[in-house]
Amino acid sequence: MNTFLILLLVAAMGATLFMLVKGIVTFLKTTEAELKSGESGPSASGLKQNKAMMGRIMFQALAVLIIALLLMMRGH
C-alpha cells in the first residue's frame, strides 16, 4: 500500500509541477495589447491562467493529502 501511495504522490507532484509551468508559460504569453484592451471581463489568456493555477492547487492538495495519509499509516 505504501508503494502505491508513494507512486501516486510522485505522480501528483509531477502534475503539480506541470500545471505550474503551464500557468507560467501562459502568463508570459500575455501581450501588452491584451492587458490594455477595453474588454470587459477576463481575457481568454486570463481564463487559461486561472484554469492552470486551479489545476495546480488541486494537484498540490492531493499531494498534501497523500503525505498526511502516509504519515498516519506510519504512526501505527
N, C-alpha and C. Protein backbone atom coordinates (compact mmCIF):
# COMPACT_ATOMS: atom_id res chain seq x y z
N MET A 1 0.83 -1.20 0.00
CA MET A 1 0.00 0.00 0.00
C MET A 1 0.87 1.26 0.00
N ASN A 2 1.95 1.24 0.80
CA ASN A 2 2.84 2.40 0.84
C ASN A 2 3.46 2.68 -0.52
N THR A 3 3.85 1.63 -1.22
CA THR A 3 4.47 1.80 -2.54
C THR A 3 3.49 2.47 -3.50
N PHE A 4 2.24 2.03 -3.46
CA PHE A 4 1.22 2.63 -4.33
C PHE A 4 1.03 4.11 -4.00
N LEU A 5 0.97 4.43 -2.71
CA LEU A 5 0.78 5.83 -2.31
C LEU A 5 1.98 6.69 -2.68
N ILE A 6 3.17 6.13 -2.56
CA ILE A 6 4.37 6.89 -2.94
C ILE A 6 4.39 7.15 -4.44
N LEU A 7 4.00 6.15 -5.23
CA LEU A 7 3.92 6.35 -6.68
C LEU A 7 2.85 7.39 -7.02
N LEU A 8 1.73 7.33 -6.31
CA LEU A 8 0.67 8.31 -6.52
C LEU A 8 1.14 9.70 -6.11
N LEU A 9 1.92 9.78 -5.05
CA LEU A 9 2.48 11.06 -4.59
C LEU A 9 3.42 11.65 -5.63
N VAL A 10 4.28 10.82 -6.19
CA VAL A 10 5.21 11.29 -7.22
C VAL A 10 4.43 11.79 -8.44
N ALA A 11 3.37 11.07 -8.80
CA ALA A 11 2.55 11.50 -9.94
C ALA A 11 1.86 12.83 -9.64
N ALA A 12 1.35 13.00 -8.43
CA ALA A 12 0.69 14.25 -8.05
C ALA A 12 1.68 15.41 -8.03
N MET A 13 2.89 15.15 -7.56
CA MET A 13 3.91 16.20 -7.54
C MET A 13 4.33 16.57 -8.97
N GLY A 14 4.44 15.58 -9.84
CA GLY A 14 4.77 15.86 -11.24
C GLY A 14 3.67 16.65 -11.92
N ALA A 15 2.42 16.29 -11.64
CA ALA A 15 1.29 17.02 -12.22
C ALA A 15 1.25 18.46 -11.70
N THR A 16 1.60 18.65 -10.42
CA THR A 16 1.67 19.99 -9.85
C THR A 16 2.70 20.83 -10.58
N LEU A 17 3.87 20.26 -10.78
CA LEU A 17 4.93 20.98 -11.49
C LEU A 17 4.52 21.30 -12.92
N PHE A 18 3.89 20.34 -13.60
CA PHE A 18 3.44 20.56 -14.97
C PHE A 18 2.45 21.71 -15.05
N MET A 19 1.46 21.71 -14.14
CA MET A 19 0.46 22.77 -14.17
C MET A 19 1.06 24.13 -13.80
N LEU A 20 2.04 24.13 -12.92
CA LEU A 20 2.72 25.38 -12.57
C LEU A 20 3.44 25.96 -13.78
N VAL A 21 4.19 25.12 -14.48
CA VAL A 21 4.91 25.58 -15.67
C VAL A 21 3.93 26.03 -16.74
N LYS A 22 2.85 25.28 -16.91
CA LYS A 22 1.84 25.64 -17.91
C LYS A 22 1.23 27.01 -17.60
N GLY A 23 0.94 27.28 -16.33
CA GLY A 23 0.40 28.58 -15.94
C GLY A 23 1.38 29.70 -16.15
N ILE A 24 2.65 29.46 -15.83
CA ILE A 24 3.67 30.49 -16.01
C ILE A 24 3.87 30.79 -17.49
N VAL A 25 3.90 29.76 -18.32
CA VAL A 25 4.07 29.97 -19.76
C VAL A 25 2.89 30.76 -20.32
N THR A 26 1.68 30.42 -19.89
CA THR A 26 0.50 31.17 -20.35
C THR A 26 0.59 32.62 -19.89
N PHE A 27 1.04 32.84 -18.66
CA PHE A 27 1.21 34.20 -18.15
C PHE A 27 2.22 34.98 -18.98
N LEU A 28 3.33 34.34 -19.34
CA LEU A 28 4.36 35.02 -20.12
C LEU A 28 3.92 35.33 -21.54
N LYS A 29 2.94 34.59 -22.05
CA LYS A 29 2.44 34.82 -23.40
C LYS A 29 1.42 35.97 -23.45
N THR A 30 1.01 36.47 -22.30
CA THR A 30 0.07 37.58 -22.26
C THR A 30 0.73 38.81 -22.86
N THR A 31 0.08 39.41 -23.83
CA THR A 31 0.66 40.57 -24.50
C THR A 31 0.17 41.86 -23.86
N GLU A 32 0.91 42.92 -24.12
CA GLU A 32 0.53 44.24 -23.61
C GLU A 32 -0.80 44.68 -24.22
N ALA A 33 -1.03 44.31 -25.47
CA ALA A 33 -2.29 44.68 -26.13
C ALA A 33 -3.48 44.05 -25.41
N GLU A 34 -3.31 42.79 -24.96
CA GLU A 34 -4.39 42.14 -24.21
C GLU A 34 -4.66 42.86 -22.90
N LEU A 35 -3.59 43.30 -22.25
CA LEU A 35 -3.74 43.97 -20.96
C LEU A 35 -4.40 45.33 -21.10
N LYS A 36 -4.14 46.03 -22.20
CA LYS A 36 -4.67 47.38 -22.39
C LYS A 36 -5.97 47.41 -23.17
N SER A 37 -6.45 46.26 -23.60
CA SER A 37 -7.69 46.25 -24.38
C SER A 37 -8.85 46.68 -23.49
N GLY A 38 -9.85 47.23 -24.11
CA GLY A 38 -11.00 47.74 -23.37
C GLY A 38 -12.06 46.69 -23.09
N GLU A 39 -11.71 45.43 -23.23
CA GLU A 39 -12.70 44.38 -23.00
C GLU A 39 -13.15 44.37 -21.54
N SER A 40 -14.44 44.09 -21.38
CA SER A 40 -14.92 43.91 -20.00
C SER A 40 -14.86 42.43 -19.68
N GLY A 41 -14.50 42.13 -18.46
CA GLY A 41 -14.38 40.73 -18.05
C GLY A 41 -12.99 40.19 -18.35
N PRO A 42 -12.77 38.97 -17.94
CA PRO A 42 -11.43 38.37 -18.11
C PRO A 42 -11.15 38.02 -19.57
N SER A 43 -9.88 38.11 -19.94
CA SER A 43 -9.49 37.76 -21.31
C SER A 43 -9.35 36.24 -21.41
N ALA A 44 -9.20 35.76 -22.63
CA ALA A 44 -9.01 34.32 -22.85
C ALA A 44 -7.73 33.85 -22.18
N SER A 45 -6.70 34.67 -22.25
CA SER A 45 -5.43 34.34 -21.61
C SER A 45 -5.58 34.27 -20.10
N GLY A 46 -6.32 35.20 -19.54
CA GLY A 46 -6.56 35.20 -18.10
C GLY A 46 -7.32 33.97 -17.64
N LEU A 47 -8.28 33.54 -18.45
CA LEU A 47 -9.04 32.34 -18.12
C LEU A 47 -8.15 31.10 -18.16
N LYS A 48 -7.24 31.04 -19.15
CA LYS A 48 -6.31 29.92 -19.22
C LYS A 48 -5.38 29.90 -18.01
N GLN A 49 -4.93 31.09 -17.60
CA GLN A 49 -4.06 31.18 -16.42
C GLN A 49 -4.78 30.68 -15.18
N ASN A 50 -6.02 31.11 -15.01
CA ASN A 50 -6.81 30.69 -13.85
C ASN A 50 -7.03 29.19 -13.85
N LYS A 51 -7.32 28.63 -15.02
CA LYS A 51 -7.55 27.19 -15.11
C LYS A 51 -6.28 26.41 -14.76
N ALA A 52 -5.13 26.87 -15.25
CA ALA A 52 -3.87 26.19 -14.95
C ALA A 52 -3.54 26.28 -13.47
N MET A 53 -3.76 27.43 -12.87
CA MET A 53 -3.43 27.59 -11.45
C MET A 53 -4.41 26.82 -10.56
N MET A 54 -5.66 26.72 -10.96
CA MET A 54 -6.61 25.91 -10.19
C MET A 54 -6.23 24.43 -10.27
N GLY A 55 -5.76 24.00 -11.44
CA GLY A 55 -5.27 22.64 -11.57
C GLY A 55 -4.07 22.39 -10.68
N ARG A 56 -3.18 23.38 -10.60
CA ARG A 56 -2.01 23.26 -9.73
C ARG A 56 -2.43 23.12 -8.27
N ILE A 57 -3.38 23.93 -7.86
CA ILE A 57 -3.85 23.87 -6.48
C ILE A 57 -4.48 22.51 -6.19
N MET A 58 -5.25 21.99 -7.13
CA MET A 58 -5.90 20.70 -6.94
C MET A 58 -4.86 19.59 -6.78
N PHE A 59 -3.86 19.55 -7.66
CA PHE A 59 -2.83 18.52 -7.58
C PHE A 59 -1.97 18.69 -6.33
N GLN A 60 -1.73 19.92 -5.94
CA GLN A 60 -0.94 20.19 -4.74
C GLN A 60 -1.70 19.71 -3.50
N ALA A 61 -3.00 19.95 -3.45
CA ALA A 61 -3.82 19.48 -2.33
C ALA A 61 -3.83 17.96 -2.27
N LEU A 62 -3.90 17.33 -3.43
CA LEU A 62 -3.85 15.87 -3.49
C LEU A 62 -2.53 15.35 -2.93
N ALA A 63 -1.44 16.00 -3.28
CA ALA A 63 -0.12 15.59 -2.77
C ALA A 63 -0.05 15.74 -1.25
N VAL A 64 -0.59 16.83 -0.73
CA VAL A 64 -0.59 17.04 0.72
C VAL A 64 -1.43 15.98 1.42
N LEU A 65 -2.58 15.64 0.85
CA LEU A 65 -3.43 14.59 1.44
C LEU A 65 -2.72 13.24 1.44
N ILE A 66 -2.03 12.93 0.37
CA ILE A 66 -1.30 11.66 0.31
C ILE A 66 -0.19 11.63 1.36
N ILE A 67 0.52 12.74 1.52
CA ILE A 67 1.57 12.82 2.55
C ILE A 67 0.96 12.62 3.94
N ALA A 68 -0.18 13.26 4.21
CA ALA A 68 -0.84 13.10 5.50
C ALA A 68 -1.25 11.65 5.72
N LEU A 69 -1.76 11.01 4.69
CA LEU A 69 -2.16 9.60 4.78
C LEU A 69 -0.95 8.71 5.06
N LEU A 70 0.15 8.97 4.37
CA LEU A 70 1.37 8.20 4.61
C LEU A 70 1.88 8.38 6.04
N LEU A 71 1.82 9.60 6.54
CA LEU A 71 2.26 9.86 7.92
C LEU A 71 1.36 9.16 8.93
N MET A 72 0.06 9.17 8.69
CA MET A 72 -0.87 8.48 9.59
C MET A 72 -0.63 6.98 9.58
N MET A 73 -0.34 6.43 8.41
CA MET A 73 -0.10 4.99 8.31
C MET A 73 1.19 4.60 9.02
N ARG A 74 2.19 5.44 8.98
CA ARG A 74 3.47 5.14 9.65
C ARG A 74 3.37 5.31 11.16
N GLY A 75 2.40 6.08 11.60
CA GLY A 75 2.23 6.32 13.03
C GLY A 75 1.72 5.11 13.79
N HIS A 76 1.14 4.16 13.10
CA HIS A 76 0.57 2.98 13.76
C HIS A 76 1.53 1.85 13.81
